[in-house]
Amino acid sequence: MKTIAEIERAAGELTAIRRDIHAHPETAFEETRTSALVAEKLRGWGIEVHTGFGKTGLVGVLRNGNSKKTIGLRADMDALPMPEHNRFGHASTVLGKMHGCGHDGHTTMLLGAAQYLAEHRNFDGTVHFIFQPAEENGNAGARAMMQDGLFEKFPCDAVFGIHNMPGMPVNQFGFRAGPAMASSNRFTITINGVGGHAAQPHKSVDTIVIASEMVGVLQTVISRSKDPLDSAVLSVTQIHAGDAFNVIPSEAVIRGTVRTYTTEALDTIEDAIRRIATTLPQVYGGTGELDFVRAYPPLVNWEKETAFAAQVAEAAFGKENVDTNIPAFMGAEDFSFFLEAVPGAYLFLGNGDGAHRQSQYSGMGPCMLHNPNYDFNDALLPVGATYWVKLVEAFLGKAG
């Protein structure tokens, strides 16, 4: 890989930063240590720092030349509320919290680029380094930063983000114009009936019977209510009812998730779930109520910006290392909020198959996202940092 030599020489320093962040994971809106570390680094390199966006988010601003053109580069900082099974030296020191998605690596790659750009300033315009909190679990840190005036105070002509992807070959770049990731939505259906003795079911309205049938009927929403050419997923993930062997419960709760690539499909699915949730219980003499939460919209990459970002990757690392038509992914990302407001693109960088881990210190199992055995591949740090630098210099133009 044709990384920038100076960034490659700093790989050890970047690895130390990444592993320090990994060892001290912080979950949504609690990224105070991570945010402070980032701010200290940026200020030390002469970059203007603005804190308090989305509570723990911050923006670094670097200007050079006379151009009014601006670019935003985003990295997420939060960890997951999950245990880590790895036993290497930089494993999580916080019980029940882990960087299981590589946000520690995303943050460090952007720091590496910020340091190089601050020292060389071979661009004409303004770079906004956006370090975002609370991407995971529907917490929408991107939206929180926007509600605090992110793009009003730091306008961007375009905004870009990178996510590592296990399973993709190391150092491979992946792009997809248009819908690339799904919307994330969650639903809760509360069924009310009449509780009673399990030996006298005829005197009850059995919410477990209603819930059991409802799970099956909900599966017809995707196959019979939605356009089959518009991909979507509906998964029931929880059923809660009852506490005793001999009691028919008066309430049952069903929860699950819906993923779509378009708002039209989401509207159709929500209407169908609502109809089933409210009418099916009535057949048995009960009632039903739906609470439907639209967490993240679909992530839709802009055509022009995606093509530009891919061209930069091809020029820097070779066409053989760039895939411009990776499959869409049913996972969700709150970078989608940014792309609703500003042109831009979200791309993927291959994290490999897990061979980078030291097996004697790693837990058993695959090195996949949100897996307790995951670890970011430090070999990507100079690659990602180099890409950010090349993107900035190509987008803003070299300094005159």
Protein backbone atom coordinates (compact mmCIF):
# COMPACT_ATOMS: atom_id res chain seq x y z
CA MET A 1 0.00 0.00 0.00
CA LYS A 2 1.28 3.46 -0.94
CA THR A 3 0.91 5.13 2.41
CA ILE A 4 2.49 8.49 3.18
CA ALA A 5 5.98 7.75 4.48
CA GLU A 6 5.75 10.19 7.37
CA ILE A 7 2.45 8.68 8.53
CA GLU A 8 3.88 5.18 8.15
CA ARG A 9 6.79 6.18 10.41
CA ALA A 10 4.25 7.31 13.01
CA ALA A 11 2.46 3.93 12.96
CA GLY A 12 3.85 2.98 16.36
CA GLU A 13 2.57 6.18 17.94
CA LEU A 14 -0.83 5.72 16.31
CA THR A 15 -1.02 2.12 17.51
CA ALA A 16 -0.28 3.25 21.08
CA ILE A 17 -3.10 5.81 20.91
CA ARG A 18 -5.54 3.30 19.46
CA ARG A 19 -4.76 0.68 22.08
CA ASP A 20 -5.01 3.22 24.88
CA ILE A 21 -8.52 4.16 23.69
CA HIS A 22 -9.38 0.46 23.35
CA ALA A 23 -8.31 -0.23 26.92
CA HIS A 24 -10.52 2.60 28.23
CA PRO A 25 -13.87 2.20 26.44
CA GLU A 26 -16.66 4.72 27.02
CA THR A 27 -20.25 4.26 25.89
CA ALA A 28 -22.77 6.73 24.50
CA PHE A 29 -22.46 10.35 25.68
CA GLU A 30 -19.89 9.29 28.30
CA GLU A 31 -16.79 9.63 26.08
CA THR A 32 -15.18 12.25 28.35
CA ARG A 33 -11.73 10.65 28.55
CA THR A 34 -11.63 9.90 24.83
CA SER A 35 -12.86 13.39 23.94
CA ALA A 36 -10.25 14.97 26.22
CA LEU A 37 -7.49 12.85 24.66
CA VAL A 38 -8.57 13.89 21.15
CA ALA A 39 -8.79 17.57 22.12
CA GLU A 40 -5.34 17.49 23.72
CA LYS A 41 -3.79 15.97 20.60
CA LEU A 42 -5.51 18.43 18.24
CA ARG A 43 -4.54 21.47 20.30
CA GLY A 44 -0.96 20.23 20.51
CA TRP A 45 -0.84 20.26 16.72
CA GLY A 46 -2.19 23.81 16.52
CA ILE A 47 -5.71 22.83 15.50
CA GLU A 48 -8.62 24.93 16.76
CA VAL A 49 -10.92 22.83 18.99
CA HIS A 50 -14.63 23.27 19.75
CA THR A 51 -16.19 20.99 22.38
CA GLY A 52 -19.69 20.32 23.69
CA PHE A 53 -21.41 19.19 20.50
CA GLY A 54 -23.72 16.31 21.28
CA LYS A 55 -22.47 16.56 24.88
CA THR A 56 -19.10 14.83 24.43
CA GLY A 57 -18.51 15.42 20.71
CA LEU A 58 -15.96 17.89 19.39
CA VAL A 59 -14.83 19.51 16.17
CA GLY A 60 -11.29 20.40 15.16
CA VAL A 61 -10.92 23.21 12.62
CA LEU A 62 -7.88 23.60 10.38
CA ARG A 63 -7.72 26.43 7.84
CA ASN A 64 -5.18 27.16 5.13
CA GLY A 65 -5.07 29.46 2.15
CA ASN A 66 -7.87 31.68 0.89
CA SER A 67 -10.48 29.27 -0.44
CA LYS A 68 -13.97 29.23 1.12
CA LYS A 69 -14.33 25.54 0.36
CA THR A 70 -14.83 23.18 3.32
CA ILE A 71 -14.77 19.44 3.95
CA GLY A 72 -15.93 17.42 6.97
CA LEU A 73 -14.25 14.18 8.10
CA ARG A 74 -16.06 12.17 10.76
CA ALA A 75 -14.92 9.52 13.24
CA ASP A 76 -17.10 7.92 15.93
CA MET A 77 -15.68 7.54 19.44
CA ASP A 78 -18.08 5.40 21.50
CA ALA A 79 -17.73 1.80 22.62
CA LEU A 80 -20.37 -0.89 23.10
CA PRO A 81 -22.01 -2.04 26.36
CA MET A 82 -20.67 -5.60 26.02
CA PRO A 83 -17.93 -7.72 27.63
CA GLU A 84 -14.56 -8.34 25.99
CA HIS A 85 -13.14 -11.87 25.82
CA ASN A 86 -9.68 -10.92 24.53
CA ARG A 87 -6.80 -11.15 26.98
CA PHE A 88 -4.12 -9.08 25.25
CA GLY A 89 -2.45 -6.16 26.97
CA HIS A 90 -4.81 -3.51 25.62
CA ALA A 91 -8.03 -5.36 26.45
CA SER A 92 -10.84 -3.38 28.08
CA THR A 93 -10.21 -2.33 31.66
CA VAL A 94 -13.90 -1.45 32.14
CA LEU A 95 -16.22 -4.31 33.01
CA GLY A 96 -19.07 -4.69 30.53
CA LYS A 97 -17.74 -2.17 28.00
CA MET A 98 -15.71 -2.85 24.87
CA HIS A 99 -14.59 -1.28 21.61
CA GLY A 100 -16.22 -4.08 19.64
CA CYS A 101 -16.83 -2.09 16.46
CA GLY A 102 -13.50 -0.38 15.81
CA HIS A 103 -14.40 3.18 16.76
CA ASP A 104 -11.06 3.33 18.57
CA GLY A 105 -9.41 2.77 15.19
CA HIS A 106 -11.65 5.26 13.39
CA THR A 107 -10.76 7.95 15.92
CA THR A 108 -7.04 7.21 15.66
CA MET A 109 -6.99 7.21 11.84
CA LEU A 110 -8.55 10.67 11.83
CA LEU A 111 -6.05 11.87 14.44
CA GLY A 112 -3.21 10.61 12.26
CA ALA A 113 -4.55 12.58 9.31
CA ALA A 114 -5.10 15.68 11.44
CA GLN A 115 -1.49 15.66 12.62
CA TYR A 116 -0.09 15.37 9.10
CA LEU A 117 -2.43 18.01 7.64
CA ALA A 118 -1.61 20.42 10.48
CA GLU A 119 2.11 20.04 9.92
CA HIS A 120 2.08 20.22 6.10
CA ARG A 121 -1.08 22.23 5.22
CA ASN A 122 -0.87 21.26 1.57
CA PHE A 123 -4.47 22.28 0.86
CA ASP A 124 -6.51 25.42 0.23
CA GLY A 125 -9.64 25.70 2.35
CA THR A 126 -10.97 24.44 5.70
CA VAL A 127 -11.05 20.95 7.20
CA HIS A 128 -13.54 20.12 9.93
CA PHE A 129 -12.46 17.07 11.95
CA ILE A 130 -15.71 15.77 13.47
CA PHE A 131 -15.28 13.42 16.44
CA GLN A 132 -18.74 12.09 17.19
CA PRO A 133 -20.16 10.43 20.31
CA ALA A 134 -22.94 7.88 20.68
CA GLU A 135 -23.25 6.17 17.31
CA GLU A 136 -24.17 2.79 18.78
CA ASN A 137 -27.51 1.40 19.95
CA GLY A 138 -29.75 4.04 18.40
CA ASN A 139 -28.35 6.86 20.52
CA ALA A 140 -27.93 9.10 17.45
CA GLY A 141 -24.91 11.14 18.45
CA ALA A 142 -24.79 12.50 14.90
CA ARG A 143 -28.26 13.96 15.31
CA ALA A 144 -27.32 15.35 18.73
CA MET A 145 -24.33 17.17 17.22
CA MET A 146 -26.55 18.57 14.48
CA GLN A 147 -29.10 19.74 17.05
CA ASP A 148 -26.25 21.64 18.70
CA GLY A 149 -25.63 23.47 15.42
CA LEU A 150 -22.84 21.35 13.89
CA PHE A 151 -23.34 22.31 10.26
CA GLU A 152 -24.48 25.86 11.00
CA LYS A 153 -21.28 26.59 12.92
CA PHE A 154 -19.04 24.39 10.77
CA PRO A 155 -20.58 24.31 7.28
CA CYS A 156 -19.29 21.57 5.00
CA ASP A 157 -19.47 21.39 1.23
CA ALA A 158 -19.20 17.63 1.68
CA VAL A 159 -18.79 15.20 4.57
CA PHE A 160 -17.17 11.76 4.60
CA GLY A 161 -16.90 8.83 6.99
CA ILE A 162 -15.01 5.51 7.13
CA HIS A 163 -15.92 2.22 8.84
CA ASN A 164 -13.69 -0.82 9.07
CA MET A 165 -15.19 -4.07 7.77
CA PRO A 166 -14.09 -7.54 8.94
CA GLY A 167 -14.25 -10.09 6.16
CA MET A 168 -13.07 -7.60 3.55
CA PRO A 169 -9.38 -8.08 2.65
CA VAL A 170 -6.99 -5.88 4.60
CA ASN A 171 -6.51 -2.45 3.05
CA GLN A 172 -9.31 -2.91 0.50
CA PHE A 173 -11.68 0.04 0.05
CA GLY A 174 -15.40 -0.44 -0.55
CA PHE A 175 -17.90 2.08 -1.95
CA ARG A 176 -21.56 2.03 -2.89
CA ALA A 177 -23.52 4.95 -4.31
CA GLY A 178 -27.17 5.30 -3.31
CA PRO A 179 -28.70 3.27 -0.44
CA ALA A 180 -25.77 1.58 1.29
CA MET A 181 -27.08 0.86 4.80
CA ALA A 182 -30.58 0.39 6.14
CA SER A 183 -32.78 2.45 8.38
CA SER A 184 -32.94 1.19 11.95
CA ASN A 185 -36.32 1.12 13.68
CA ARG A 186 -37.71 -0.64 16.72
CA PHE A 187 -41.22 -1.60 17.75
CA THR A 188 -42.99 -2.65 20.93
CA ILE A 189 -46.42 -4.28 20.83
CA THR A 190 -48.29 -4.49 24.14
CA ILE A 191 -51.12 -7.02 24.24
CA ASN A 192 -53.69 -6.83 27.04
CA GLY A 193 -56.13 -9.58 27.89
CA VAL A 194 -57.70 -11.07 31.00
CA GLY A 195 -55.48 -12.97 33.38
CA GLY A 196 -56.56 -16.01 35.27
CA HIS A 197 -55.87 -19.53 36.46
CA ALA A 198 -54.16 -21.76 33.93
CA ALA A 199 -56.61 -24.54 34.83
CA GLN A 200 -59.54 -22.34 33.76
CA PRO A 201 -58.45 -20.81 30.44
CA HIS A 202 -62.08 -20.30 29.35
CA LYS A 203 -62.35 -17.56 31.96
CA SER A 204 -59.35 -15.68 30.55
CA VAL A 205 -58.24 -13.86 27.42
CA ASP A 206 -54.90 -15.54 26.88
CA THR A 207 -52.26 -13.01 25.84
CA ILE A 208 -49.69 -15.73 25.18
CA VAL A 209 -51.94 -17.34 22.56
CA ILE A 210 -52.45 -13.92 20.95
CA ALA A 211 -48.72 -13.14 21.01
CA SER A 212 -47.83 -16.54 19.54
CA GLU A 213 -50.15 -16.04 16.59
CA MET A 214 -49.04 -12.44 16.15
CA VAL A 215 -45.40 -13.44 15.68
CA GLY A 216 -46.39 -15.61 12.73
CA VAL A 217 -48.68 -12.99 11.22
CA LEU A 218 -45.98 -10.32 11.48
CA GLN A 219 -43.80 -12.39 9.16
CA THR A 220 -46.36 -11.86 6.38
CA VAL A 221 -45.70 -8.11 6.44
CA ILE A 222 -42.48 -8.51 4.45
CA SER A 223 -43.80 -11.18 2.09
CA ARG A 224 -47.33 -9.83 1.49
CA SER A 225 -47.47 -6.09 2.29
CA LYS A 226 -44.20 -4.74 0.89
CA ASP A 227 -42.92 -4.44 -2.68
CA PRO A 228 -40.68 -7.53 -3.10
CA LEU A 229 -38.16 -5.45 -5.06
CA ASP A 230 -37.66 -3.08 -2.09
CA SER A 231 -35.56 -5.04 0.42
CA ALA A 232 -36.49 -4.99 4.10
CA VAL A 233 -36.20 -7.04 7.28
CA LEU A 234 -38.65 -7.48 10.15
CA SER A 235 -37.35 -9.51 13.10
CA VAL A 236 -39.13 -10.26 16.36
CA THR A 237 -36.40 -10.36 19.00
CA GLN A 238 -38.24 -10.40 22.34
CA ILE A 239 -41.42 -11.87 23.85
CA HIS A 240 -42.17 -11.21 27.52
CA ALA A 241 -45.19 -12.63 29.36
CA GLY A 242 -45.99 -14.39 32.59
CA ASP A 243 -44.18 -15.24 35.80
CA ALA A 244 -45.77 -18.49 37.02
CA PHE A 245 -46.54 -22.00 35.78
CA ASN A 246 -50.22 -21.80 36.66
CA VAL A 247 -51.14 -18.21 35.78
CA ILE A 248 -52.34 -16.93 32.41
CA PRO A 249 -50.79 -13.45 32.21
CA SER A 250 -52.94 -10.42 31.49
CA GLU A 251 -50.19 -8.78 29.42
CA ALA A 252 -47.69 -9.86 26.80
CA VAL A 253 -45.05 -7.68 25.12
CA ILE A 254 -43.45 -8.28 21.74
CA ARG A 255 -40.40 -6.31 20.59
CA GLY A 256 -38.35 -6.28 17.44
CA THR A 257 -36.60 -4.35 14.71
CA VAL A 258 -37.38 -3.23 11.16
CA ARG A 259 -34.71 -2.41 8.57
CA THR A 260 -35.40 -0.78 5.18
CA TYR A 261 -33.52 1.06 2.44
CA THR A 262 -36.37 3.43 1.62
CA THR A 263 -38.85 5.52 3.60
CA GLU A 264 -41.67 4.26 1.37
CA ALA A 265 -41.06 0.67 2.47
CA LEU A 266 -40.84 1.78 6.09
CA ASP A 267 -44.17 3.62 5.89
CA THR A 268 -45.84 0.50 4.45
CA ILE A 269 -44.35 -1.80 7.09
CA GLU A 270 -45.23 0.46 10.01
CA ASP A 271 -48.84 0.75 8.82
CA ALA A 272 -49.10 -3.04 8.47
CA ILE A 273 -47.62 -3.71 11.92
CA ARG A 274 -50.01 -1.19 13.46
CA ARG A 275 -52.99 -2.81 11.79
CA ILE A 276 -51.97 -6.28 13.01
CA ALA A 277 -51.08 -5.08 16.51
CA THR A 278 -54.43 -3.35 17.07
CA THR A 279 -56.86 -5.70 15.30
CA LEU A 280 -55.55 -9.24 15.85
CA PRO A 281 -55.99 -9.15 19.66
CA GLN A 282 -59.63 -8.12 19.18
CA VAL A 283 -60.36 -11.50 17.55
CA TYR A 284 -59.67 -13.09 20.94
CA GLY A 285 -61.29 -10.37 23.06
CA GLY A 286 -58.08 -8.53 23.89
CA THR A 287 -56.51 -5.24 22.86
CA GLY A 288 -53.18 -4.29 21.34
CA GLU A 289 -51.07 -1.16 21.15
CA LEU A 290 -48.00 -0.37 19.02
CA ASP A 291 -45.06 1.91 19.87
CA PHE A 292 -42.91 2.36 16.74
CA VAL A 293 -39.63 4.29 16.96
CA ARG A 294 -37.75 5.42 13.85
CA ALA A 295 -34.16 5.52 15.12
CA TYR A 296 -31.85 5.99 12.10
CA PRO A 297 -32.87 6.79 8.51
CA PRO A 298 -31.37 4.83 5.60
CA LEU A 299 -27.78 5.75 4.79
CA VAL A 300 -27.84 7.01 1.20
CA ASN A 301 -24.50 7.93 -0.34
CA TRP A 302 -24.48 10.82 -2.81
CA GLU A 303 -23.54 9.77 -6.34
CA LYS A 304 -21.01 12.53 -7.12
CA GLU A 305 -19.26 12.45 -3.75
CA THR A 306 -19.08 8.63 -3.74
CA ALA A 307 -17.52 8.60 -7.20
CA PHE A 308 -15.03 11.28 -6.12
CA ALA A 309 -14.08 9.41 -2.93
CA ALA A 310 -13.56 6.19 -4.91
CA GLN A 311 -11.37 7.99 -7.46
CA VAL A 312 -9.17 9.28 -4.64
CA ALA A 313 -8.76 5.74 -3.30
CA GLU A 314 -7.90 4.40 -6.76
CA ALA A 315 -5.33 7.14 -7.35
CA ALA A 316 -3.71 6.61 -3.95
CA PHE A 317 -3.82 2.82 -3.61
CA GLY A 318 -4.54 1.38 -7.05
CA LYS A 319 -7.73 0.30 -8.78
CA GLU A 320 -7.14 -3.29 -7.69
CA ASN A 321 -7.70 -2.24 -4.07
CA VAL A 322 -11.03 -0.49 -4.69
CA ASP A 323 -14.50 -2.00 -5.08
CA THR A 324 -17.05 0.58 -6.24
CA ASN A 325 -20.09 -1.68 -5.97
CA ILE A 326 -20.02 -3.47 -2.64
CA PRO A 327 -23.31 -5.05 -1.51
CA ALA A 328 -25.72 -2.95 0.53
CA PHE A 329 -25.68 -3.77 4.24
CA MET A 330 -28.73 -4.16 6.51
CA GLY A 331 -26.81 -2.69 9.44
CA ALA A 332 -27.55 0.93 10.35
CA GLU A 333 -25.39 4.01 10.91
CA ASP A 334 -26.30 7.46 12.21
CA PHE A 335 -23.94 9.03 9.65
CA SER A 336 -27.19 8.84 7.66
CA PHE A 337 -28.33 12.00 9.47
CA PHE A 338 -25.28 13.85 8.14
CA LEU A 339 -25.99 12.67 4.60
CA GLU A 340 -29.58 13.91 4.81
CA ALA A 341 -28.21 17.40 5.48
CA VAL A 342 -24.94 17.53 3.52
CA PRO A 343 -23.62 15.82 0.36
CA GLY A 344 -21.10 13.11 1.09
CA ALA A 345 -20.22 9.44 1.24
CA TYR A 346 -19.62 6.67 3.75
CA LEU A 347 -17.01 4.09 2.78
CA PHE A 348 -15.57 0.86 4.12
CA LEU A 349 -11.99 -0.27 4.74
CA GLY A 350 -11.21 -3.97 4.99
CA ASN A 351 -10.20 -5.18 8.46
CA GLY A 352 -9.21 -8.68 7.30
CA ASP A 353 -10.22 -12.07 8.68
CA GLY A 354 -8.74 -11.70 12.16
CA ALA A 355 -5.22 -12.94 11.42
CA HIS A 356 -3.84 -9.74 12.97
CA ARG A 357 -4.81 -10.87 16.45
CA GLN A 358 -2.33 -12.68 18.67
CA SER A 359 -4.17 -15.96 19.14
CA GLN A 360 -2.65 -16.82 22.49
CA TYR A 361 -4.09 -13.63 23.96
CA SER A 362 -7.33 -13.43 22.00
CA GLY A 363 -10.60 -15.01 22.93
CA MET A 364 -12.09 -17.81 20.90
CA GLY A 365 -14.38 -17.04 18.00
CA PRO A 366 -14.49 -14.83 14.93
CA CYS A 367 -13.15 -11.30 14.73
CA MET A 368 -16.45 -9.79 13.61
CA LEU A 369 -18.10 -6.51 14.55
CA HIS A 370 -19.94 -6.59 17.90
CA ASN A 371 -18.22 -9.87 18.79
CA PRO A 372 -16.44 -10.09 22.20
CA ASN A 373 -13.32 -11.35 20.37
CA TYR A 374 -13.10 -8.43 17.93
CA ASP A 375 -10.07 -6.16 17.65
CA PHE A 376 -9.29 -3.40 15.18
CA ASN A 377 -6.40 -4.15 12.81
CA ASP A 378 -3.65 -1.62 13.58
CA ALA A 379 -2.18 -2.10 10.10
CA LEU A 380 -5.08 0.03 8.85
CA LEU A 381 -4.08 3.11 10.85
CA PRO A 382 -1.56 4.58 8.37
CA VAL A 383 -3.77 3.46 5.46
CA GLY A 384 -6.85 5.24 6.75
CA ALA A 385 -4.87 8.33 7.78
CA THR A 386 -3.21 8.49 4.36
CA TYR A 387 -6.59 8.19 2.64
CA TRP A 388 -8.01 11.09 4.66
CA VAL A 389 -5.03 13.27 3.71
CA LYS A 390 -5.34 12.40 0.02
CA LEU A 391 -9.09 13.08 0.14
CA VAL A 392 -8.59 16.52 1.70
CA GLU A 393 -5.87 17.50 -0.74
CA ALA A 394 -7.94 16.34 -3.71
CA PHE A 395 -11.16 17.97 -2.53
CA LEU A 396 -9.71 21.31 -1.43
CA GLY A 397 -6.87 21.47 -3.91
CA LYS A 398 -3.19 21.82 -3.17
CA ALA A 399 -1.98 25.04 -1.57
CA GLY A 400 -0.72 27.60 -4.08
